[in-house]
Amino acid sequence: MKMARREYWEKLQPASGSPFCPSMSFSDEWGVTKGDAELMQQKESTTQDQLKVLFEKSATNQ
């Protein structure tokens, strides 16, 4: 029988009952929430101005 190392037990996350356990999700901290204008879908095609804003945001986040 092989013994588990201390590191294994220290990093073990309980299945439920505590914050950030595997069954709970982590916040990705996107800065937007449900209902935010950035998450809303539209029926029309994306305009060049909208694409430009997205590409600028993407460039600053890298």
PDB file of N, CA and C in Angstrom:
ATOM      1  N   MET A   1       0.835  -1.179   0.000  1.00  0.00           N
ATOM      2  CA  MET A   1       0.000   0.000   0.000  1.00  0.00           C
ATOM      3  C   MET A   1       0.882   1.244   0.000  1.00  0.00           C
ATOM      4  N   LYS A   2       0.543   2.184  -0.851  1.00  0.00           N
ATOM      5  CA  LYS A   2       1.336   3.395  -0.980  1.00  0.00           C
ATOM      6  C   LYS A   2       0.695   4.529  -0.180  1.00  0.00           C
ATOM      7  N   MET A   3       1.485   5.259   0.559  1.00  0.00           N
ATOM      8  CA  MET A   3       0.977   6.369   1.361  1.00  0.00           C
ATOM      9  C   MET A   3       0.934   7.644   0.523  1.00  0.00           C
ATOM     10  N   ALA A   4      -0.113   8.421   0.718  1.00  0.00           N
ATOM     11  CA  ALA A   4      -0.228   9.700   0.017  1.00  0.00           C
ATOM     12  C   ALA A   4       0.684  10.720   0.681  1.00  0.00           C
ATOM     13  N   ARG A   5       1.282  11.547  -0.121  1.00  0.00           N
ATOM     14  CA  ARG A   5       2.168  12.569   0.414  1.00  0.00           C
ATOM     15  C   ARG A   5       1.351  13.706   1.021  1.00  0.00           C
ATOM     16  N   ARG A   6       1.993  14.468   1.873  1.00  0.00           N
ATOM     17  CA  ARG A   6       1.341  15.595   2.554  1.00  0.00           C
ATOM     18  C   ARG A   6       0.782  16.589   1.539  1.00  0.00           C
ATOM     19  N   GLU A   7       1.530  16.828   0.461  1.00  0.00           N
ATOM     20  CA  GLU A   7       1.105  17.774  -0.576  1.00  0.00           C
ATOM     21  C   GLU A   7      -0.253  17.384  -1.150  1.00  0.00           C
ATOM     22  N   TYR A   8      -0.477  16.092  -1.333  1.00  0.00           N
ATOM     23  CA  TYR A   8      -1.755  15.611  -1.852  1.00  0.00           C
ATOM     24  C   TYR A   8      -2.897  16.049  -0.938  1.00  0.00           C
ATOM     25  N   TRP A   9      -2.743  15.861   0.368  1.00  0.00           N
ATOM     26  CA  TRP A   9      -3.809  16.175   1.317  1.00  0.00           C
ATOM     27  C   TRP A   9      -4.006  17.675   1.454  1.00  0.00           C
ATOM     28  N   GLU A  10      -2.931  18.448   1.324  1.00  0.00           N
ATOM     29  CA  GLU A  10      -3.056  19.898   1.444  1.00  0.00           C
ATOM     30  C   GLU A  10      -3.774  20.509   0.248  1.00  0.00           C
ATOM     31  N   LYS A  11      -3.648  19.911  -0.926  1.00  0.00           N
ATOM     32  CA  LYS A  11      -4.268  20.435  -2.132  1.00  0.00           C
ATOM     33  C   LYS A  11      -5.616  19.796  -2.442  1.00  0.00           C
ATOM     34  N   LEU A  12      -5.993  18.802  -1.666  1.00  0.00           N
ATOM     35  CA  LEU A  12      -7.253  18.109  -1.883  1.00  0.00           C
ATOM     36  C   LEU A  12      -8.431  19.049  -1.620  1.00  0.00           C
ATOM     37  N   GLN A  13      -9.360  19.113  -2.569  1.00  0.00           N
ATOM     38  CA  GLN A  13     -10.538  19.954  -2.399  1.00  0.00           C
ATOM     39  C   GLN A  13     -11.738  19.064  -2.122  1.00  0.00           C
ATOM     40  N   PRO A  14     -12.472  19.318  -1.039  1.00  0.00           N
ATOM     41  CA  PRO A  14     -13.634  18.505  -0.727  1.00  0.00           C
ATOM     42  C   PRO A  14     -14.663  18.570  -1.845  1.00  0.00           C
ATOM     43  N   ALA A  15     -15.472  17.544  -1.973  1.00  0.00           N
ATOM     44  CA  ALA A  15     -16.446  17.475  -3.062  1.00  0.00           C
ATOM     45  C   ALA A  15     -17.582  18.474  -2.902  1.00  0.00           C
ATOM     46  N   SER A  16     -17.905  18.862  -1.695  1.00  0.00           N
ATOM     47  CA  SER A  16     -18.980  19.841  -1.511  1.00  0.00           C
ATOM     48  C   SER A  16     -18.882  20.475  -0.133  1.00  0.00           C
ATOM     49  N   GLY A  17     -19.608  21.568   0.028  1.00  0.00           N
ATOM     50  CA  GLY A  17     -19.712  22.181   1.336  1.00  0.00           C
ATOM     51  C   GLY A  17     -18.723  23.281   1.626  1.00  0.00           C
ATOM     52  N   SER A  18     -17.825  23.565   0.724  1.00  0.00           N
ATOM     53  CA  SER A  18     -16.899  24.662   0.975  1.00  0.00           C
ATOM     54  C   SER A  18     -16.736  25.504  -0.285  1.00  0.00           C
ATOM     55  N   PRO A  19     -16.387  26.768  -0.124  1.00  0.00           N
ATOM     56  CA  PRO A  19     -16.205  27.625  -1.297  1.00  0.00           C
ATOM     57  C   PRO A  19     -15.111  27.072  -2.215  1.00  0.00           C
ATOM     58  N   PHE A  20     -15.299  27.213  -3.484  1.00  0.00           N
ATOM     59  CA  PHE A  20     -14.340  26.810  -4.514  1.00  0.00           C
ATOM     60  C   PHE A  20     -14.078  25.311  -4.554  1.00  0.00           C
ATOM     61  N   CYS A  21     -14.997  24.515  -4.031  1.00  0.00           N
ATOM     62  CA  CYS A  21     -14.851  23.077  -4.178  1.00  0.00           C
ATOM     63  C   CYS A  21     -15.114  22.723  -5.650  1.00  0.00           C
ATOM     64  N   PRO A  22     -14.705  21.555  -6.119  1.00  0.00           N
ATOM     65  CA  PRO A  22     -14.845  21.213  -7.533  1.00  0.00           C
ATOM     66  C   PRO A  22     -16.265  21.333  -8.080  1.00  0.00           C
ATOM     67  N   SER A  23     -17.270  21.147  -7.225  1.00  0.00           N
ATOM     68  CA  SER A  23     -18.640  21.241  -7.724  1.00  0.00           C
ATOM     69  C   SER A  23     -19.115  22.685  -7.854  1.00  0.00           C
ATOM     70  N   MET A  24     -18.358  23.626  -7.307  1.00  0.00           N
ATOM     71  CA  MET A  24     -18.705  25.043  -7.404  1.00  0.00           C
ATOM     72  C   MET A  24     -17.826  25.674  -8.482  1.00  0.00           C
ATOM     73  N   SER A  25     -18.314  26.722  -9.106  1.00  0.00           N
ATOM     74  CA  SER A  25     -17.515  27.353 -10.154  1.00  0.00           C
ATOM     75  C   SER A  25     -16.752  28.549  -9.601  1.00  0.00           C
ATOM     76  N   PHE A  26     -15.616  28.832 -10.209  1.00  0.00           N
ATOM     77  CA  PHE A  26     -14.823  30.003  -9.860  1.00  0.00           C
ATOM     78  C   PHE A  26     -15.283  31.186 -10.702  1.00  0.00           C
ATOM     79  N   SER A  27     -15.184  32.347 -10.148  1.00  0.00           N
ATOM     80  CA  SER A  27     -15.478  33.559 -10.902  1.00  0.00           C
ATOM     81  C   SER A  27     -14.268  33.863 -11.787  1.00  0.00           C
ATOM     82  N   ASP A  28     -14.506  34.101 -13.053  1.00  0.00           N
ATOM     83  CA  ASP A  28     -13.414  34.435 -13.958  1.00  0.00           C
ATOM     84  C   ASP A  28     -13.095  35.923 -13.924  1.00  0.00           C
ATOM     85  N   GLU A  29     -13.899  36.673 -13.190  1.00  0.00           N
ATOM     86  CA  GLU A  29     -13.692  38.111 -13.037  1.00  0.00           C
ATOM     87  C   GLU A  29     -13.596  38.818 -14.388  1.00  0.00           C
ATOM     88  N   TRP A  30     -14.582  38.561 -15.228  1.00  0.00           N
ATOM     89  CA  TRP A  30     -14.614  39.219 -16.534  1.00  0.00           C
ATOM     90  C   TRP A  30     -14.958  40.686 -16.417  1.00  0.00           C
ATOM     91  N   GLY A  31     -15.601  41.067 -15.330  1.00  0.00           N
ATOM     92  CA  GLY A  31     -16.002  42.460 -15.171  1.00  0.00           C
ATOM     93  C   GLY A  31     -17.375  42.731 -15.758  1.00  0.00           C
ATOM     94  N   VAL A  32     -18.033  41.726 -16.289  1.00  0.00           N
ATOM     95  CA  VAL A  32     -19.388  41.879 -16.815  1.00  0.00           C
ATOM     96  C   VAL A  32     -20.262  40.799 -16.176  1.00  0.00           C
ATOM     97  N   THR A  33     -21.539  41.083 -16.073  1.00  0.00           N
ATOM     98  CA  THR A  33     -22.462  40.123 -15.485  1.00  0.00           C
ATOM     99  C   THR A  33     -23.645  39.914 -16.411  1.00  0.00           C
ATOM    100  N   LYS A  34     -24.466  38.948 -16.068  1.00  0.00           N
ATOM    101  CA  LYS A  34     -25.652  38.638 -16.863  1.00  0.00           C
ATOM    102  C   LYS A  34     -26.475  39.912 -17.087  1.00  0.00           C
ATOM    103  N   GLY A  35     -26.864  40.148 -18.320  1.00  0.00           N
ATOM    104  CA  GLY A  35     -27.651  41.327 -18.651  1.00  0.00           C
ATOM    105  C   GLY A  35     -26.816  42.508 -19.097  1.00  0.00           C
ATOM    106  N   ASP A  36     -25.494  42.408 -18.978  1.00  0.00           N
ATOM    107  CA  ASP A  36     -24.615  43.492 -19.407  1.00  0.00           C
ATOM    108  C   ASP A  36     -24.687  43.639 -20.927  1.00  0.00           C
ATOM    109  N   ALA A  37     -24.575  44.861 -21.413  1.00  0.00           N
ATOM    110  CA  ALA A  37     -24.690  45.135 -22.849  1.00  0.00           C
ATOM    111  C   ALA A  37     -23.658  44.350 -23.671  1.00  0.00           C
ATOM    112  N   GLU A  38     -22.477  44.100 -23.099  1.00  0.00           N
ATOM    113  CA  GLU A  38     -21.440  43.380 -23.838  1.00  0.00           C
ATOM    114  C   GLU A  38     -21.802  41.922 -24.065  1.00  0.00           C
ATOM    115  N   LEU A  39     -22.713  41.382 -23.273  1.00  0.00           N
ATOM    116  CA  LEU A  39     -23.091  39.980 -23.409  1.00  0.00           C
ATOM    117  C   LEU A  39     -24.375  39.786 -24.207  1.00  0.00           C
ATOM    118  N   MET A  40     -25.026  40.871 -24.577  1.00  0.00           N
ATOM    119  CA  MET A  40     -26.284  40.783 -25.313  1.00  0.00           C
ATOM    120  C   MET A  40     -26.024  40.422 -26.776  1.00  0.00           C
ATOM    121  N   GLN A  41     -26.861  39.550 -27.306  1.00  0.00           N
ATOM    122  CA  GLN A  41     -26.756  39.187 -28.714  1.00  0.00           C
ATOM    123  C   GLN A  41     -27.578  40.159 -29.545  1.00  0.00           C
ATOM    124  N   GLN A  42     -27.209  40.271 -30.801  1.00  0.00           N
ATOM    125  CA  GLN A  42     -27.970  41.132 -31.709  1.00  0.00           C
ATOM    126  C   GLN A  42     -28.293  40.352 -32.972  1.00  0.00           C
ATOM    127  N   LYS A  43     -29.338  40.782 -33.661  1.00  0.00           N
ATOM    128  CA  LYS A  43     -29.761  40.085 -34.881  1.00  0.00           C
ATOM    129  C   LYS A  43     -28.960  40.530 -36.093  1.00  0.00           C
ATOM    130  N   GLU A  44     -28.542  41.799 -36.092  1.00  0.00           N
ATOM    131  CA  GLU A  44     -27.809  42.327 -37.253  1.00  0.00           C
ATOM    132  C   GLU A  44     -26.354  41.849 -37.245  1.00  0.00           C
ATOM    133  N   SER A  45     -25.722  41.969 -38.390  1.00  0.00           N
ATOM    134  CA  SER A  45     -24.298  41.630 -38.490  1.00  0.00           C
ATOM    135  C   SER A  45     -23.477  42.626 -37.683  1.00  0.00           C
ATOM    136  N   THR A  46     -22.343  42.177 -37.208  1.00  0.00           N
ATOM    137  CA  THR A  46     -21.442  43.047 -36.456  1.00  0.00           C
ATOM    138  C   THR A  46     -20.861  44.092 -37.394  1.00  0.00           C
ATOM    139  N   THR A  47     -20.887  45.350 -36.965  1.00  0.00           N
ATOM    140  CA  THR A  47     -20.381  46.436 -37.808  1.00  0.00           C
ATOM    141  C   THR A  47     -18.867  46.549 -37.670  1.00  0.00           C
ATOM    142  N   GLN A  48     -18.249  47.248 -38.577  1.00  0.00           N
ATOM    143  CA  GLN A  48     -16.798  47.469 -38.528  1.00  0.00           C
ATOM    144  C   GLN A  48     -16.406  48.248 -37.276  1.00  0.00           C
ATOM    145  N   ASP A  49     -17.247  49.210 -36.862  1.00  0.00           N
ATOM    146  CA  ASP A  49     -16.955  49.975 -35.652  1.00  0.00           C
ATOM    147  C   ASP A  49     -16.969  49.077 -34.417  1.00  0.00           C
ATOM    148  N   GLN A  50     -17.921  48.151 -34.354  1.00  0.00           N
ATOM    149  CA  GLN A  50     -17.987  47.229 -33.222  1.00  0.00           C
ATOM    150  C   GLN A  50     -16.771  46.307 -33.203  1.00  0.00           C
ATOM    151  N   LEU A  51     -16.359  45.833 -34.379  1.00  0.00           N
ATOM    152  CA  LEU A  51     -15.180  44.977 -34.472  1.00  0.00           C
ATOM    153  C   LEU A  51     -13.923  45.723 -34.022  1.00  0.00           C
ATOM    154  N   LYS A  52     -13.827  46.982 -34.419  1.00  0.00           N
ATOM    155  CA  LYS A  52     -12.664  47.790 -34.053  1.00  0.00           C
ATOM    156  C   LYS A  52     -12.543  47.894 -32.527  1.00  0.00           C
ATOM    157  N   VAL A  53     -13.666  48.129 -31.850  1.00  0.00           N
ATOM    158  CA  VAL A  53     -13.664  48.219 -30.382  1.00  0.00           C
ATOM    159  C   VAL A  53     -13.214  46.897 -29.773  1.00  0.00           C
ATOM    160  N   LEU A  54     -13.717  45.784 -30.296  1.00  0.00           N
ATOM    161  CA  LEU A  54     -13.335  44.475 -29.773  1.00  0.00           C
ATOM    162  C   LEU A  54     -11.851  44.191 -29.966  1.00  0.00           C
ATOM    163  N   PHE A  55     -11.337  44.510 -31.138  1.00  0.00           N
ATOM    164  CA  PHE A  55      -9.920  44.269 -31.409  1.00  0.00           C
ATOM    165  C   PHE A  55      -9.034  45.141 -30.529  1.00  0.00           C
ATOM    166  N   GLU A  56      -9.469  46.376 -30.254  1.00  0.00           N
ATOM    167  CA  GLU A  56      -8.690  47.251 -29.373  1.00  0.00           C
ATOM    168  C   GLU A  56      -8.659  46.691 -27.955  1.00  0.00           C
ATOM    169  N   LYS A  57      -9.811  46.195 -27.466  1.00  0.00           N
ATOM    170  CA  LYS A  57      -9.850  45.587 -26.133  1.00  0.00           C
ATOM    171  C   LYS A  57      -8.963  44.369 -26.073  1.00  0.00           C
ATOM    172  N   SER A  58      -9.020  43.571 -27.116  1.00  0.00           N
ATOM    173  CA  SER A  58      -8.224  42.349 -27.169  1.00  0.00           C
ATOM    174  C   SER A  58      -6.730  42.666 -27.164  1.00  0.00           C
ATOM    175  N   ALA A  59      -6.324  43.696 -27.865  1.00  0.00           N
ATOM    176  CA  ALA A  59      -4.908  44.068 -27.945  1.00  0.00           C
ATOM    177  C   ALA A  59      -4.394  44.569 -26.597  1.00  0.00           C
ATOM    178  N   THR A  60      -5.230  45.264 -25.836  1.00  0.00           N
ATOM    179  CA  THR A  60      -4.779  45.793 -24.548  1.00  0.00           C
ATOM    180  C   THR A  60      -4.752  44.719 -23.476  1.00  0.00           C
ATOM    181  N   ASN A  61      -5.494  43.629 -23.658  1.00  0.00           N
ATOM    182  CA  ASN A  61      -5.528  42.564 -22.657  1.00  0.00           C
ATOM    183  C   ASN A  61      -4.429  41.546 -22.839  1.00  0.00           C
ATOM    184  N   GLN A  62      -3.643  41.640 -23.867  1.00  0.00           N
ATOM    185  CA  GLN A  62      -2.598  40.640 -24.110  1.00  0.00           C
ATOM    186  C   GLN A  62      -1.281  41.073 -23.586  1.00  0.00           C
TER     187      GLN A  62
END
